[in-house]
């Protein structure tokens, strides 16, 4: 059962989906992905804020000995020091909490954001060659670095 999902004007109603039981990705990626969704400031997701906080905090407690951070920028799971058993416990925790809340599919909307950095000068020749090879492709590589008309 999916609760309170709204269509996004920015993305014309296109929603992202992730099956909780069969995500189609390795367990490590699943845990990191779900924990990122839980800590992201998403307005449109079918997981209530308190459940997102609980999922992250419980996974954190399986990995760390100190309390979970309260600063949103520090709320990132680091599984490098964990074991396979730790990973399995995180997967089980995430699934049991979501299934317990009748959420079998995660549904969220996250419109494409602006790039956080410009392409490096070394990458620009490659980007220009790709633009020449695929002139009709949408420019999503680095829209802020487009050459002016007549340049190239």
Protein backbone atom coordinates (compact mmCIF):
# COMPACT_ATOMS: atom_id res chain seq x y z
CA UNK A 1 0.00 0.00 0.00
CA UNK A 2 1.41 3.37 -1.00
CA UNK A 3 0.47 6.44 1.01
CA UNK A 4 0.56 10.16 0.18
CA UNK A 5 2.37 10.15 -3.15
CA UNK A 6 1.92 13.32 -5.17
CA UNK A 7 2.66 13.89 -8.84
CA UNK A 8 5.45 16.35 -9.44
CA UNK A 9 4.97 19.32 -11.72
CA UNK A 10 8.74 19.44 -12.34
CA UNK A 11 8.95 15.87 -13.60
CA UNK A 12 5.52 15.61 -15.28
CA UNK A 13 4.34 12.89 -12.90
CA UNK A 14 7.26 10.50 -13.49
CA UNK A 15 7.93 8.72 -10.23
CA UNK A 16 10.87 6.51 -9.26
CA UNK A 17 10.02 3.03 -7.92
CA UNK A 18 11.96 0.46 -5.90
CA UNK A 19 10.52 -2.94 -4.96
CA UNK A 20 11.48 -3.58 -1.33
CA UNK A 21 11.60 -7.38 -1.65
CA UNK A 22 13.16 -7.55 -5.14
CA UNK A 23 15.12 -4.35 -5.69
CA UNK A 24 17.22 -5.70 -8.56
CA UNK A 25 20.49 -4.61 -6.97
CA UNK A 26 23.06 -6.09 -4.58
CA UNK A 27 22.32 -5.85 -0.85
CA UNK A 28 25.04 -3.28 -0.21
CA UNK A 29 23.66 -0.99 -2.90
CA UNK A 30 20.12 -1.52 -1.58
CA UNK A 31 21.08 -0.53 1.97
CA UNK A 32 23.05 2.52 0.86
CA UNK A 33 20.32 3.57 -1.56
CA UNK A 34 17.47 3.24 0.92
CA UNK A 35 19.47 4.98 3.65
CA UNK A 36 20.17 7.84 1.22
CA UNK A 37 16.45 8.09 0.44
CA UNK A 38 15.71 8.09 4.16
CA UNK A 39 18.08 10.97 4.85
CA UNK A 40 17.35 12.99 1.71
CA UNK A 41 15.10 15.97 2.09
CA UNK A 42 12.49 14.55 -0.30
CA UNK A 43 9.02 16.06 -0.18
CA UNK A 44 7.46 13.37 -2.33
CA UNK A 45 8.14 9.88 -0.98
CA UNK A 46 5.73 7.31 0.36
CA UNK A 47 7.71 6.76 3.57
CA UNK A 48 6.74 9.03 6.47
CA UNK A 49 9.52 11.12 7.99
CA UNK A 50 9.43 9.30 11.35
CA UNK A 51 9.80 5.90 9.62
CA UNK A 52 12.69 7.21 7.52
CA UNK A 53 14.39 8.39 10.70
CA UNK A 54 13.78 5.03 12.40
CA UNK A 55 15.19 3.06 9.45
CA UNK A 56 18.37 5.11 9.40
CA UNK A 57 18.79 5.11 13.19
CA UNK A 58 18.36 1.33 13.46
CA UNK A 59 20.81 0.64 10.64
CA UNK A 60 23.24 3.10 12.24
CA UNK A 61 22.99 1.26 15.57
CA UNK A 62 23.92 -2.00 13.84
CA UNK A 63 27.14 -0.43 12.56
CA UNK A 64 28.20 2.16 15.15
CA UNK A 65 28.46 2.25 18.93
CA UNK A 66 27.62 5.95 19.34
CA UNK A 67 24.21 7.54 18.90
CA UNK A 68 23.13 8.49 15.36
CA UNK A 69 24.14 12.01 14.33
CA UNK A 70 21.52 14.73 14.40
CA UNK A 71 23.25 16.90 11.78
CA UNK A 72 21.66 15.91 8.42
CA UNK A 73 25.03 16.19 6.63
CA UNK A 74 26.52 13.55 8.95
CA UNK A 75 23.67 11.06 8.53
CA UNK A 76 25.49 8.73 6.13
CA UNK A 77 25.95 5.01 6.67
CA UNK A 78 29.52 3.78 6.38
CA UNK A 79 29.47 0.02 5.91
CA UNK A 80 33.18 -0.37 5.11
CA UNK A 81 33.96 -1.70 8.58
CA UNK A 82 30.95 -4.00 8.69
CA UNK A 83 30.65 -7.70 8.00
CA UNK A 84 28.29 -9.71 5.82
CA UNK A 85 26.22 -10.31 8.94
CA UNK A 86 25.96 -6.55 9.53
CA UNK A 87 24.83 -6.05 5.95
CA UNK A 88 22.24 -8.81 6.23
CA UNK A 89 20.95 -7.26 9.47
CA UNK A 90 20.58 -3.86 7.77
CA UNK A 91 18.70 -5.40 4.82
CA UNK A 92 16.42 -7.30 7.20
CA UNK A 93 15.81 -4.19 9.32
CA UNK A 94 14.91 -2.06 6.31
CA UNK A 95 12.58 -4.67 4.85
CA UNK A 96 10.86 -5.50 8.13
CA UNK A 97 10.21 -1.85 8.99
CA UNK A 98 8.87 -1.04 5.52
CA UNK A 99 6.75 -4.20 5.23
CA UNK A 100 5.49 -3.58 8.77
CA UNK A 101 4.25 -0.20 7.56
CA UNK A 102 2.59 -1.84 4.50
CA UNK A 103 5.16 -0.32 2.13
CA UNK A 104 6.24 -2.90 -0.44
CA UNK A 105 7.44 -0.43 -3.07
CA UNK A 106 9.28 2.79 -2.43
CA UNK A 107 7.91 5.59 -4.60
CA UNK A 108 9.55 9.00 -4.78
CA UNK A 109 10.08 11.95 -7.04
CA UNK A 110 13.42 13.64 -7.34
CA UNK A 111 13.70 16.05 -10.25
CA UNK A 112 17.02 16.36 -12.01
CA UNK A 113 19.20 18.86 -10.20
CA UNK A 114 21.78 21.22 -11.55
CA UNK A 115 25.34 19.88 -11.60
CA UNK A 116 27.34 20.72 -8.51
CA UNK A 117 30.58 21.20 -10.46
CA UNK A 118 31.63 22.13 -13.96
CA UNK A 119 33.42 19.52 -16.00
CA UNK A 120 37.17 19.54 -15.62
CA UNK A 121 39.12 21.24 -18.41
CA UNK A 122 40.62 17.85 -19.34
CA UNK A 123 37.12 16.42 -19.98
CA UNK A 124 35.93 19.27 -22.22
CA UNK A 125 37.45 17.89 -25.49
CA UNK A 126 35.66 14.58 -24.89
CA UNK A 127 32.38 16.34 -24.12
CA UNK A 128 32.73 18.40 -27.32
CA UNK A 129 33.38 15.24 -29.38
CA UNK A 130 30.33 13.55 -27.86
CA UNK A 131 28.22 16.60 -28.74
CA UNK A 132 29.45 16.33 -32.34
CA UNK A 133 28.73 12.60 -32.51
CA UNK A 134 25.28 12.90 -30.89
CA UNK A 135 23.99 16.39 -31.72
CA UNK A 136 20.32 15.45 -31.13
CA UNK A 137 20.92 14.01 -27.66
CA UNK A 138 19.81 16.11 -24.70
CA UNK A 139 22.69 17.94 -23.09
CA UNK A 140 22.84 16.56 -19.57
CA UNK A 141 26.60 16.24 -19.22
CA UNK A 142 27.33 19.81 -18.24
CA UNK A 143 24.65 22.29 -19.30
CA UNK A 144 26.44 25.21 -17.62
CA UNK A 145 29.48 24.76 -19.88
CA UNK A 146 27.77 24.89 -23.28
CA UNK A 147 29.66 26.73 -26.02
CA UNK A 148 28.01 29.80 -27.43
CA UNK A 149 26.47 29.54 -30.90
CA UNK A 150 29.23 29.76 -33.49
CA UNK A 151 31.86 28.32 -31.15
CA UNK A 152 32.99 24.71 -31.16
